[in-house]
Amino acid sequence: MKVREIRQNEVIVFELSGRLTEGREMDELADRVNKLIDEGLKKLVFDLNKVYWIDSSGLGLLIRAYTRIQKVEGELKLARVTHSVESLLHMTKLSTVFGVYETVEEAVASF
């Protein structure tokens, strides 16, 4: 998995590509998200356009990030979700938890 962090004013967009699965890269992403929230981040977008697979560890990362940012009265949004990831979100009913947007711009504007 590759991660690109983009700051758009008060919003951090994580552009992810590859597989969101258990491993060093995912641990580093989780650490980075936690650090940003500790520093006061309240607006986060995961751009999933280039993510072709998420396993249970990847779903766990999204859920933990969502829960953590909710505790500081922040929000986490998903953008450009691929068909395979969207199917998984619907199957697990997580599509009702996360705000899912067609574009990164729509997700950022929704804050």
PDB file of N, CA and C in Angstrom:
ATOM      1  N   MET A   1       0.839  -1.175   0.000  1.00  0.00           N
ATOM      2  CA  MET A   1       0.000   0.000   0.000  1.00  0.00           C
ATOM      3  C   MET A   1       0.886   1.239   0.000  1.00  0.00           C
ATOM      4  N   LYS A   2       0.469   2.218  -0.759  1.00  0.00           N
ATOM      5  CA  LYS A   2       1.153   3.503  -0.775  1.00  0.00           C
ATOM      6  C   LYS A   2       0.203   4.554  -0.230  1.00  0.00           C
ATOM      7  N   VAL A   3       0.783   5.529   0.479  1.00  0.00           N
ATOM      8  CA  VAL A   3      -0.006   6.579   1.099  1.00  0.00           C
ATOM      9  C   VAL A   3       0.572   7.928   0.711  1.00  0.00           C
ATOM     10  N   ARG A   4      -0.308   8.798   0.266  1.00  0.00           N
ATOM     11  CA  ARG A   4       0.078  10.182  -0.012  1.00  0.00           C
ATOM     12  C   ARG A   4      -0.812  11.070   0.842  1.00  0.00           C
ATOM     13  N   GLU A   5      -0.198  11.947   1.618  1.00  0.00           N
ATOM     14  CA  GLU A   5      -0.939  12.831   2.512  1.00  0.00           C
ATOM     15  C   GLU A   5      -1.031  14.218   1.879  1.00  0.00           C
ATOM     16  N   ILE A   6      -2.248  14.710   1.762  1.00  0.00           N
ATOM     17  CA  ILE A   6      -2.485  16.017   1.145  1.00  0.00           C
ATOM     18  C   ILE A   6      -3.268  16.873   2.130  1.00  0.00           C
ATOM     19  N   ARG A   7      -2.759  18.067   2.389  1.00  0.00           N
ATOM     20  CA  ARG A   7      -3.456  19.004   3.289  1.00  0.00           C
ATOM     21  C   ARG A   7      -4.235  19.996   2.439  1.00  0.00           C
ATOM     22  N   GLN A   8      -5.529  20.096   2.711  1.00  0.00           N
ATOM     23  CA  GLN A   8      -6.387  21.081   2.054  1.00  0.00           C
ATOM     24  C   GLN A   8      -7.039  21.919   3.147  1.00  0.00           C
ATOM     25  N   ASN A   9      -6.386  23.032   3.478  1.00  0.00           N
ATOM     26  CA  ASN A   9      -6.802  23.893   4.588  1.00  0.00           C
ATOM     27  C   ASN A   9      -6.825  23.081   5.880  1.00  0.00           C
ATOM     28  N   GLU A  10      -7.998  22.881   6.465  1.00  0.00           N
ATOM     29  CA  GLU A  10      -8.089  22.160   7.740  1.00  0.00           C
ATOM     30  C   GLU A  10      -8.357  20.666   7.556  1.00  0.00           C
ATOM     31  N   VAL A  11      -8.341  20.213   6.311  1.00  0.00           N
ATOM     32  CA  VAL A  11      -8.669  18.816   6.006  1.00  0.00           C
ATOM     33  C   VAL A  11      -7.406  18.087   5.571  1.00  0.00           C
ATOM     34  N   ILE A  12      -7.227  16.875   6.094  1.00  0.00           N
ATOM     35  CA  ILE A  12      -6.158  16.002   5.619  1.00  0.00           C
ATOM     36  C   ILE A  12      -6.803  14.930   4.745  1.00  0.00           C
ATOM     37  N   VAL A  13      -6.264  14.785   3.533  1.00  0.00           N
ATOM     38  CA  VAL A  13      -6.717  13.744   2.622  1.00  0.00           C
ATOM     39  C   VAL A  13      -5.598  12.717   2.514  1.00  0.00           C
ATOM     40  N   PHE A  14      -5.924  11.475   2.818  1.00  0.00           N
ATOM     41  CA  PHE A  14      -4.985  10.380   2.610  1.00  0.00           C
ATOM     42  C   PHE A  14      -5.368   9.693   1.319  1.00  0.00           C
ATOM     43  N   GLU A  15      -4.512   9.822   0.317  1.00  0.00           N
ATOM     44  CA  GLU A  15      -4.723   9.151  -0.960  1.00  0.00           C
ATOM     45  C   GLU A  15      -4.030   7.799  -0.870  1.00  0.00           C
ATOM     46  N   LEU A  16      -4.819   6.745  -0.858  1.00  0.00           N
ATOM     47  CA  LEU A  16      -4.281   5.398  -0.673  1.00  0.00           C
ATOM     48  C   LEU A  16      -4.290   4.652  -1.995  1.00  0.00           C
ATOM     49  N   SER A  17      -3.310   3.781  -2.176  1.00  0.00           N
ATOM     50  CA  SER A  17      -3.304   2.931  -3.360  1.00  0.00           C
ATOM     51  C   SER A  17      -2.757   1.557  -3.005  1.00  0.00           C
ATOM     52  N   GLY A  18      -3.292   0.546  -3.671  1.00  0.00           N
ATOM     53  CA  GLY A  18      -2.858  -0.829  -3.413  1.00  0.00           C
ATOM     54  C   GLY A  18      -3.845  -1.566  -2.535  1.00  0.00           C
ATOM     55  N   ARG A  19      -3.296  -2.374  -1.651  1.00  0.00           N
ATOM     56  CA  ARG A  19      -4.104  -3.199  -0.753  1.00  0.00           C
ATOM     57  C   ARG A  19      -4.038  -2.634   0.655  1.00  0.00           C
ATOM     58  N   LEU A  20      -5.200  -2.407   1.251  1.00  0.00           N
ATOM     59  CA  LEU A  20      -5.271  -1.948   2.636  1.00  0.00           C
ATOM     60  C   LEU A  20      -5.394  -3.191   3.504  1.00  0.00           C
ATOM     61  N   THR A  21      -4.227  -3.777   3.779  1.00  0.00           N
ATOM     62  CA  THR A  21      -4.176  -5.034   4.522  1.00  0.00           C
ATOM     63  C   THR A  21      -3.135  -4.940   5.627  1.00  0.00           C
ATOM     64  N   GLU A  22      -3.171  -5.912   6.502  1.00  0.00           N
ATOM     65  CA  GLU A  22      -2.261  -5.947   7.637  1.00  0.00           C
ATOM     66  C   GLU A  22      -0.813  -5.856   7.163  1.00  0.00           C
ATOM     67  N   GLY A  23      -0.029  -5.048   7.873  1.00  0.00           N
ATOM     68  CA  GLY A  23       1.376  -4.912   7.532  1.00  0.00           C
ATOM     69  C   GLY A  23       1.955  -3.610   8.039  1.00  0.00           C
ATOM     70  N   ARG A  24       3.218  -3.426   7.750  1.00  0.00           N
ATOM     71  CA  ARG A  24       3.952  -2.254   8.224  1.00  0.00           C
ATOM     72  C   ARG A  24       3.346  -0.946   7.743  1.00  0.00           C
ATOM     73  N   GLU A  25       2.978  -0.884   6.459  1.00  0.00           N
ATOM     74  CA  GLU A  25       2.423   0.351   5.914  1.00  0.00           C
ATOM     75  C   GLU A  25       1.130   0.747   6.611  1.00  0.00           C
ATOM     76  N   MET A  26       0.287  -0.234   6.897  1.00  0.00           N
ATOM     77  CA  MET A  26      -0.967   0.074   7.569  1.00  0.00           C
ATOM     78  C   MET A  26      -0.708   0.530   9.004  1.00  0.00           C
ATOM     79  N   ASP A  27       0.257  -0.089   9.670  1.00  0.00           N
ATOM     80  CA  ASP A  27       0.607   0.338  11.028  1.00  0.00           C
ATOM     81  C   ASP A  27       1.112   1.780  11.020  1.00  0.00           C
ATOM     82  N   GLU A  28       1.917   2.122  10.019  1.00  0.00           N
ATOM     83  CA  GLU A  28       2.430   3.489   9.902  1.00  0.00           C
ATOM     84  C   GLU A  28       1.301   4.475   9.637  1.00  0.00           C
ATOM     85  N   LEU A  29       0.336   4.083   8.806  1.00  0.00           N
ATOM     86  CA  LEU A  29      -0.809   4.937   8.536  1.00  0.00           C
ATOM     87  C   LEU A  29      -1.620   5.151   9.813  1.00  0.00           C
ATOM     88  N   ALA A  30      -1.868   4.103  10.558  1.00  0.00           N
ATOM     89  CA  ALA A  30      -2.618   4.217  11.816  1.00  0.00           C
ATOM     90  C   ALA A  30      -1.900   5.147  12.779  1.00  0.00           C
ATOM     91  N   ASP A  31      -0.585   5.011  12.886  1.00  0.00           N
ATOM     92  CA  ASP A  31       0.198   5.893  13.758  1.00  0.00           C
ATOM     93  C   ASP A  31       0.088   7.344  13.317  1.00  0.00           C
ATOM     94  N   ARG A  32       0.143   7.570  11.998  1.00  0.00           N
ATOM     95  CA  ARG A  32       0.052   8.933  11.468  1.00  0.00           C
ATOM     96  C   ARG A  32      -1.318   9.533  11.748  1.00  0.00           C
ATOM     97  N   VAL A  33      -2.373   8.763  11.540  1.00  0.00           N
ATOM     98  CA  VAL A  33      -3.731   9.244  11.823  1.00  0.00           C
ATOM     99  C   VAL A  33      -3.865   9.604  13.296  1.00  0.00           C
ATOM    100  N   ASN A  34      -3.394   8.723  14.176  1.00  0.00           N
ATOM    101  CA  ASN A  34      -3.475   8.988  15.612  1.00  0.00           C
ATOM    102  C   ASN A  34      -2.704  10.252  15.984  1.00  0.00           C
ATOM    103  N   LYS A  35      -1.520  10.440  15.399  1.00  0.00           N
ATOM    104  CA  LYS A  35      -0.715  11.623  15.693  1.00  0.00           C
ATOM    105  C   LYS A  35      -1.448  12.896  15.255  1.00  0.00           C
ATOM    106  N   LEU A  36      -2.026  12.864  14.068  1.00  0.00           N
ATOM    107  CA  LEU A  36      -2.754  14.036  13.573  1.00  0.00           C
ATOM    108  C   LEU A  36      -3.961  14.365  14.456  1.00  0.00           C
ATOM    109  N   ILE A  37      -4.671  13.347  14.891  1.00  0.00           N
ATOM    110  CA  ILE A  37      -5.822  13.573  15.779  1.00  0.00           C
ATOM    111  C   ILE A  37      -5.337  14.143  17.108  1.00  0.00           C
ATOM    112  N   ASP A  38      -4.234  13.608  17.633  1.00  0.00           N
ATOM    113  CA  ASP A  38      -3.660  14.145  18.875  1.00  0.00           C
ATOM    114  C   ASP A  38      -3.262  15.610  18.721  1.00  0.00           C
ATOM    115  N   GLU A  39      -2.873  16.003  17.499  1.00  0.00           N
ATOM    116  CA  GLU A  39      -2.477  17.386  17.219  1.00  0.00           C
ATOM    117  C   GLU A  39      -3.670  18.291  16.931  1.00  0.00           C
ATOM    118  N   GLY A  40      -4.886  17.742  16.957  1.00  0.00           N
ATOM    119  CA  GLY A  40      -6.074  18.567  16.794  1.00  0.00           C
ATOM    120  C   GLY A  40      -6.820  18.401  15.483  1.00  0.00           C
ATOM    121  N   LEU A  41      -6.415  17.446  14.655  1.00  0.00           N
ATOM    122  CA  LEU A  41      -7.126  17.205  13.402  1.00  0.00           C
ATOM    123  C   LEU A  41      -8.566  16.791  13.674  1.00  0.00           C
ATOM    124  N   LYS A  42      -9.507  17.404  12.942  1.00  0.00           N
ATOM    125  CA  LYS A  42     -10.918  17.047  13.099  1.00  0.00           C
ATOM    126  C   LYS A  42     -11.593  16.729  11.774  1.00  0.00           C
ATOM    127  N   LYS A  43     -10.855  16.841  10.669  1.00  0.00           N
ATOM    128  CA  LYS A  43     -11.448  16.604   9.354  1.00  0.00           C
ATOM    129  C   LYS A  43     -10.503  15.729   8.541  1.00  0.00           C
ATOM    130  N   LEU A  44     -10.976  14.534   8.216  1.00  0.00           N
ATOM    131  CA  LEU A  44     -10.130  13.546   7.552  1.00  0.00           C
ATOM    132  C   LEU A  44     -10.891  12.877   6.418  1.00  0.00           C
ATOM    133  N   VAL A  45     -10.209  12.728   5.276  1.00  0.00           N
ATOM    134  CA  VAL A  45     -10.787  12.038   4.126  1.00  0.00           C
ATOM    135  C   VAL A  45      -9.825  10.934   3.698  1.00  0.00           C
ATOM    136  N   PHE A  46     -10.365   9.745   3.491  1.00  0.00           N
ATOM    137  CA  PHE A  46      -9.605   8.662   2.877  1.00  0.00           C
ATOM    138  C   PHE A  46     -10.054   8.558   1.425  1.00  0.00           C
ATOM    139  N   ASP A  47      -9.137   8.824   0.496  1.00  0.00           N
ATOM    140  CA  ASP A  47      -9.390   8.682  -0.932  1.00  0.00           C
ATOM    141  C   ASP A  47      -9.030   7.253  -1.310  1.00  0.00           C
ATOM    142  N   LEU A  48     -10.042   6.457  -1.654  1.00  0.00           N
ATOM    143  CA  LEU A  48      -9.849   5.023  -1.883  1.00  0.00           C
ATOM    144  C   LEU A  48      -9.891   4.648  -3.362  1.00  0.00           C
ATOM    145  N   ASN A  49      -9.726   5.603  -4.249  1.00  0.00           N
ATOM    146  CA  ASN A  49      -9.833   5.370  -5.685  1.00  0.00           C
ATOM    147  C   ASN A  49      -8.873   4.305  -6.202  1.00  0.00           C
ATOM    148  N   LYS A  50      -7.704   4.185  -5.587  1.00  0.00           N
ATOM    149  CA  LYS A  50      -6.704   3.230  -6.063  1.00  0.00           C
ATOM    150  C   LYS A  50      -6.539   2.031  -5.131  1.00  0.00           C
ATOM    151  N   VAL A  51      -7.499   1.857  -4.230  1.00  0.00           N
ATOM    152  CA  VAL A  51      -7.469   0.702  -3.321  1.00  0.00           C
ATOM    153  C   VAL A  51      -8.323  -0.394  -3.940  1.00  0.00           C
ATOM    154  N   TYR A  52      -7.693  -1.523  -4.221  1.00  0.00           N
ATOM    155  CA  TYR A  52      -8.440  -2.599  -4.859  1.00  0.00           C
ATOM    156  C   TYR A  52      -8.786  -3.731  -3.897  1.00  0.00           C
ATOM    157  N   TRP A  53      -8.284  -3.685  -2.671  1.00  0.00           N
ATOM    158  CA  TRP A  53      -8.618  -4.735  -1.712  1.00  0.00           C
ATOM    159  C   TRP A  53      -8.461  -4.217  -0.300  1.00  0.00           C
ATOM    160  N   ILE A  54      -9.419  -4.546   0.555  1.00  0.00           N
ATOM    161  CA  ILE A  54      -9.350  -4.247   1.988  1.00  0.00           C
ATOM    162  C   ILE A  54      -9.668  -5.529   2.727  1.00  0.00           C
ATOM    163  N   ASP A  55      -8.804  -5.902   3.683  1.00  0.00           N
ATOM    164  CA  ASP A  55      -9.112  -7.070   4.506  1.00  0.00           C
ATOM    165  C   ASP A  55      -9.678  -6.596   5.845  1.00  0.00           C
ATOM    166  N   SER A  56      -9.888  -7.510   6.771  1.00  0.00           N
ATOM    167  CA  SER A  56     -10.480  -7.159   8.062  1.00  0.00           C
ATOM    168  C   SER A  56      -9.603  -6.181   8.846  1.00  0.00           C
ATOM    169  N   SER A  57      -8.292  -6.266   8.681  1.00  0.00           N
ATOM    170  CA  SER A  57      -7.400  -5.314   9.346  1.00  0.00           C
ATOM    171  C   SER A  57      -7.589  -3.916   8.781  1.00  0.00           C
ATOM    172  N   GLY A  58      -7.771  -3.825   7.464  1.00  0.00           N
ATOM    173  CA  GLY A  58      -8.018  -2.533   6.832  1.00  0.00           C
ATOM    174  C   GLY A  58      -9.336  -1.927   7.283  1.00  0.00           C
ATOM    175  N   LEU A  59     -10.377  -2.759   7.350  1.00  0.00           N
ATOM    176  CA  LEU A  59     -11.660  -2.279   7.876  1.00  0.00           C
ATOM    177  C   LEU A  59     -11.510  -1.820   9.320  1.00  0.00           C
ATOM    178  N   GLY A  60     -10.729  -2.570  10.092  1.00  0.00           N
ATOM    179  CA  GLY A  60     -10.481  -2.198  11.479  1.00  0.00           C
ATOM    180  C   GLY A  60      -9.806  -0.842  11.588  1.00  0.00           C
ATOM    181  N   LEU A  61      -8.861  -0.576  10.703  1.00  0.00           N
ATOM    182  CA  LEU A  61      -8.194   0.730  10.688  1.00  0.00           C
ATOM    183  C   LEU A  61      -9.203   1.844  10.438  1.00  0.00           C
ATOM    184  N   LEU A  62     -10.063   1.665   9.442  1.00  0.00           N
ATOM    185  CA  LEU A  62     -11.066   2.689   9.140  1.00  0.00           C
ATOM    186  C   LEU A  62     -12.013   2.903  10.324  1.00  0.00           C
ATOM    187  N   ILE A  63     -12.444   1.825  10.942  1.00  0.00           N
ATOM    188  CA  ILE A  63     -13.365   1.923  12.081  1.00  0.00           C
ATOM    189  C   ILE A  63     -12.692   2.601  13.268  1.00  0.00           C
ATOM    190  N   ARG A  64     -11.447   2.210  13.562  1.00  0.00           N
ATOM    191  CA  ARG A  64     -10.726   2.842  14.684  1.00  0.00           C
ATOM    192  C   ARG A  64     -10.502   4.329  14.431  1.00  0.00           C
ATOM    193  N   ALA A  65     -10.126   4.679  13.212  1.00  0.00           N
ATOM    194  CA  ALA A  65      -9.907   6.090  12.880  1.00  0.00           C
ATOM    195  C   ALA A  65     -11.219   6.866  13.018  1.00  0.00           C
ATOM    196  N   TYR A  66     -12.311   6.280  12.531  1.00  0.00           N
ATOM    197  CA  TYR A  66     -13.622   6.916  12.629  1.00  0.00           C
ATOM    198  C   TYR A  66     -14.010   7.131  14.098  1.00  0.00           C
ATOM    199  N   THR A  67     -13.861   6.091  14.899  1.00  0.00           N
ATOM    200  CA  THR A  67     -14.216   6.170  16.316  1.00  0.00           C
ATOM    201  C   THR A  67     -13.351   7.195  17.040  1.00  0.00           C
ATOM    202  N   ARG A  68     -12.079   7.181  16.751  1.00  0.00           N
ATOM    203  CA  ARG A  68     -11.140   8.092  17.416  1.00  0.00           C
ATOM    204  C   ARG A  68     -11.447   9.542  17.069  1.00  0.00           C
ATOM    205  N   ILE A  69     -11.713   9.835  15.804  1.00  0.00           N
ATOM    206  CA  ILE A  69     -11.972  11.216  15.405  1.00  0.00           C
ATOM    207  C   ILE A  69     -13.342  11.676  15.907  1.00  0.00           C
ATOM    208  N   GLN A  70     -14.291  10.751  16.043  1.00  0.00           N
ATOM    209  CA  GLN A  70     -15.604  11.088  16.608  1.00  0.00           C
ATOM    210  C   GLN A  70     -15.470  11.547  18.061  1.00  0.00           C
ATOM    211  N   LYS A  71     -14.541  10.953  18.788  1.00  0.00           N
ATOM    212  CA  LYS A  71     -14.351  11.299  20.203  1.00  0.00           C
ATOM    213  C   LYS A  71     -13.876  12.733  20.395  1.00  0.00           C
ATOM    214  N   VAL A  72     -13.253  13.298  19.368  1.00  0.00           N
ATOM    215  CA  VAL A  72     -12.806  14.696  19.449  1.00  0.00           C
ATOM    216  C   VAL A  72     -13.743  15.601  18.645  1.00  0.00           C
ATOM    217  N   GLU A  73     -14.955  15.079  18.383  1.00  0.00           N
ATOM    218  CA  GLU A  73     -15.993  15.793  17.642  1.00  0.00           C
ATOM    219  C   GLU A  73     -15.566  16.144  16.228  1.00  0.00           C
ATOM    220  N   GLY A  74     -14.790  15.235  15.621  1.00  0.00           N
ATOM    221  CA  GLY A  74     -14.365  15.400  14.243  1.00  0.00           C
ATOM    222  C   GLY A  74     -15.140  14.461  13.332  1.00  0.00           C
ATOM    223  N   GLU A  75     -14.759  14.488  12.046  1.00  0.00           N
ATOM    224  CA  GLU A  75     -15.442  13.653  11.064  1.00  0.00           C
ATOM    225  C   GLU A  75     -14.436  12.997  10.123  1.00  0.00           C
ATOM    226  N   LEU A  76     -14.777  11.801   9.696  1.00  0.00           N
ATOM    227  CA  LEU A  76     -13.987  11.064   8.712  1.00  0.00           C
ATOM    228  C   LEU A  76     -14.908  10.726   7.544  1.00  0.00           C
ATOM    229  N   LYS A  77     -14.440  10.998   6.330  1.00  0.00           N
ATOM    230  CA  LYS A  77     -15.220  10.731   5.122  1.00  0.00           C
ATOM    231  C   LYS A  77     -14.420   9.821   4.200  1.00  0.00           C
ATOM    232  N   LEU A  78     -15.117   9.091   3.348  1.00  0.00           N
ATOM    233  CA  LEU A  78     -14.489   8.269   2.321  1.00  0.00           C
ATOM    234  C   LEU A  78     -14.835   8.854   0.962  1.00  0.00           C
ATOM    235  N   ALA A  79     -13.858   8.846   0.058  1.00  0.00           N
ATOM    236  CA  ALA A  79     -14.084   9.394  -1.274  1.00  0.00           C
ATOM    237  C   ALA A  79     -13.598   8.425  -2.334  1.00  0.00           C
ATOM    238  N   ARG A  80     -14.248   8.485  -3.487  1.00  0.00           N
ATOM    239  CA  ARG A  80     -13.870   7.721  -4.680  1.00  0.00           C
ATOM    240  C   ARG A  80     -13.663   6.235  -4.361  1.00  0.00           C
ATOM    241  N   VAL A  81     -14.625   5.660  -3.705  1.00  0.00           N
ATOM    242  CA  VAL A  81     -14.556   4.259  -3.280  1.00  0.00           C
ATOM    243  C   VAL A  81     -14.715   3.362  -4.512  1.00  0.00           C
ATOM    244  N   THR A  82     -13.809   2.421  -4.673  1.00  0.00           N
ATOM    245  CA  THR A  82     -13.871   1.491  -5.799  1.00  0.00           C
ATOM    246  C   THR A  82     -15.042   0.519  -5.621  1.00  0.00           C
ATOM    247  N   HIS A  83     -15.428  -0.111  -6.708  1.00  0.00           N
ATOM    248  CA  HIS A  83     -16.568  -1.028  -6.670  1.00  0.00           C
ATOM    249  C   HIS A  83     -16.353  -2.171  -5.669  1.00  0.00           C
ATOM    250  N   SER A  84     -15.166  -2.760  -5.669  1.00  0.00           N
ATOM    251  CA  SER A  84     -14.916  -3.896  -4.764  1.00  0.00           C
ATOM    252  C   SER A  84     -14.970  -3.456  -3.303  1.00  0.00           C
ATOM    253  N   VAL A  85     -14.448  -2.277  -3.013  1.00  0.00           N
ATOM    254  CA  VAL A  85     -14.481  -1.771  -1.637  1.00  0.00           C
ATOM    255  C   VAL A  85     -15.908  -1.370  -1.263  1.00  0.00           C
ATOM    256  N   GLU A  86     -16.622  -0.766  -2.205  1.00  0.00           N
ATOM    257  CA  GLU A  86     -18.009  -0.388  -1.955  1.00  0.00           C
ATOM    258  C   GLU A  86     -18.857  -1.616  -1.640  1.00  0.00           C
ATOM    259  N   SER A  87     -18.641  -2.707  -2.343  1.00  0.00           N
ATOM    260  CA  SER A  87     -19.372  -3.946  -2.074  1.00  0.00           C
ATOM    261  C   SER A  87     -19.112  -4.432  -0.651  1.00  0.00           C
ATOM    262  N   LEU A  88     -17.868  -4.359  -0.231  1.00  0.00           N
ATOM    263  CA  LEU A  88     -17.507  -4.766   1.125  1.00  0.00           C
ATOM    264  C   LEU A  88     -18.167  -3.857   2.164  1.00  0.00           C
ATOM    265  N   LEU A  89     -18.184  -2.554   1.909  1.00  0.00           N
ATOM    266  CA  LEU A  89     -18.819  -1.617   2.841  1.00  0.00           C
ATOM    267  C   LEU A  89     -20.316  -1.889   2.952  1.00  0.00           C
ATOM    268  N   HIS A  90     -20.967  -2.213   1.836  1.00  0.00           N
ATOM    269  CA  HIS A  90     -22.395  -2.529   1.879  1.00  0.00           C
ATOM    270  C   HIS A  90     -22.646  -3.849   2.606  1.00  0.00           C
ATOM    271  N   MET A  91     -21.814  -4.844   2.329  1.00  0.00           N
ATOM    272  CA  MET A  91     -21.973  -6.153   2.948  1.00  0.00           C
ATOM    273  C   MET A  91     -21.842  -6.072   4.474  1.00  0.00           C
ATOM    274  N   THR A  92     -20.934  -5.224   4.945  1.00  0.00           N
ATOM    275  CA  THR A  92     -20.691  -5.088   6.379  1.00  0.00           C
ATOM    276  C   THR A  92     -21.546  -3.990   7.017  1.00  0.00           C
ATOM    277  N   LYS A  93     -22.379  -3.348   6.205  1.00  0.00           N
ATOM    278  CA  LYS A  93     -23.247  -2.246   6.649  1.00  0.00           C
ATOM    279  C   LYS A  93     -22.460  -0.998   7.057  1.00  0.00           C
ATOM    280  N   LEU A  94     -21.166  -0.954   6.762  1.00  0.00           N
ATOM    281  CA  LEU A  94     -20.363   0.221   7.099  1.00  0.00           C
ATOM    282  C   LEU A  94     -20.670   1.403   6.190  1.00  0.00           C
ATOM    283  N   SER A  95     -21.341   1.148   5.079  1.00  0.00           N
ATOM    284  CA  SER A  95     -21.735   2.248   4.195  1.00  0.00           C
ATOM    285  C   SER A  95     -22.742   3.167   4.883  1.00  0.00           C
ATOM    286  N   THR A  96     -23.400   2.671   5.931  1.00  0.00           N
ATOM    287  CA  THR A  96     -24.334   3.505   6.686  1.00  0.00           C
ATOM    288  C   THR A  96     -23.618   4.298   7.775  1.00  0.00           C
ATOM    289  N   VAL A  97     -22.374   3.953   8.060  1.00  0.00           N
ATOM    290  CA  VAL A  97     -21.595   4.633   9.094  1.00  0.00           C
ATOM    291  C   VAL A  97     -20.770   5.766   8.493  1.00  0.00           C
ATOM    292  N   PHE A  98     -20.060   5.455   7.427  1.00  0.00           N
ATOM    293  CA  PHE A  98     -19.166   6.431   6.805  1.00  0.00           C
ATOM    294  C   PHE A  98     -19.922   7.296   5.803  1.00  0.00           C
ATOM    295  N   GLY A  99     -19.550   8.575   5.756  1.00  0.00           N
ATOM    296  CA  GLY A  99     -19.995   9.412   4.655  1.00  0.00           C
ATOM    297  C   GLY A  99     -19.168   9.033   3.443  1.00  0.00           C
ATOM    298  N   VAL A 100     -19.819   8.633   2.344  1.00  0.00           N
ATOM    299  CA  VAL A 100     -19.117   8.191   1.136  1.00  0.00           C
ATOM    300  C   VAL A 100     -19.454   9.170   0.017  1.00  0.00           C
ATOM    301  N   TYR A 101     -18.410   9.683  -0.647  1.00  0.00           N
ATOM    302  CA  TYR A 101     -18.577  10.712  -1.671  1.00  0.00           C
ATOM    303  C   TYR A 101     -17.939  10.284  -2.985  1.00  0.00           C
ATOM    304  N   GLU A 102     -18.507  10.772  -4.074  1.00  0.00           N
ATOM    305  CA  GLU A 102     -18.027  10.442  -5.413  1.00  0.00           C
ATOM    306  C   GLU A 102     -16.642  11.027  -5.689  1.00  0.00           C
ATOM    307  N   THR A 103     -16.373  12.218  -5.157  1.00  0.00           N
ATOM    308  CA  THR A 103     -15.093  12.885  -5.400  1.00  0.00           C
ATOM    309  C   THR A 103     -14.485  13.362  -4.093  1.00  0.00           C
ATOM    310  N   VAL A 104     -13.192  13.604  -4.129  1.00  0.00           N
ATOM    311  CA  VAL A 104     -12.501  14.164  -2.962  1.00  0.00           C
ATOM    312  C   VAL A 104     -13.036  15.567  -2.695  1.00  0.00           C
ATOM    313  N   GLU A 105     -13.276  16.321  -3.759  1.00  0.00           N
ATOM    314  CA  GLU A 105     -13.763  17.687  -3.619  1.00  0.00           C
ATOM    315  C   GLU A 105     -15.108  17.720  -2.892  1.00  0.00           C
ATOM    316  N   GLU A 106     -16.007  16.792  -3.234  1.00  0.00           N
ATOM    317  CA  GLU A 106     -17.304  16.706  -2.547  1.00  0.00           C
ATOM    318  C   GLU A 106     -17.112  16.356  -1.084  1.00  0.00           C
ATOM    319  N   ALA A 107     -16.206  15.440  -0.795  1.00  0.00           N
ATOM    320  CA  ALA A 107     -15.959  15.046   0.596  1.00  0.00           C
ATOM    321  C   ALA A 107     -15.417  16.220   1.389  1.00  0.00           C
ATOM    322  N   VAL A 108     -14.465  16.940   0.826  1.00  0.00           N
ATOM    323  CA  VAL A 108     -13.882  18.094   1.522  1.00  0.00           C
ATOM    324  C   VAL A 108     -14.941  19.173   1.727  1.00  0.00           C
ATOM    325  N   ALA A 109     -15.744  19.440   0.703  1.00  0.00           N
ATOM    326  CA  ALA A 109     -16.783  20.466   0.802  1.00  0.00           C
ATOM    327  C   ALA A 109     -17.872  20.104   1.817  1.00  0.00           C
ATOM    328  N   SER A 110     -18.048  18.824   2.105  1.00  0.00           N
ATOM    329  CA  SER A 110     -19.098  18.378   3.017  1.00  0.00           C
ATOM    330  C   SER A 110     -18.829  18.757   4.480  1.00  0.00           C
ATOM    331  N   PHE A 111     -17.596  19.123   4.778  1.00  0.00           N
ATOM    332  CA  PHE A 111     -17.282  19.529   6.152  1.00  0.00           C
ATOM    333  C   PHE A 111     -17.879  20.884   6.376  1.00  0.00           C
TER     334      PHE A 111
END
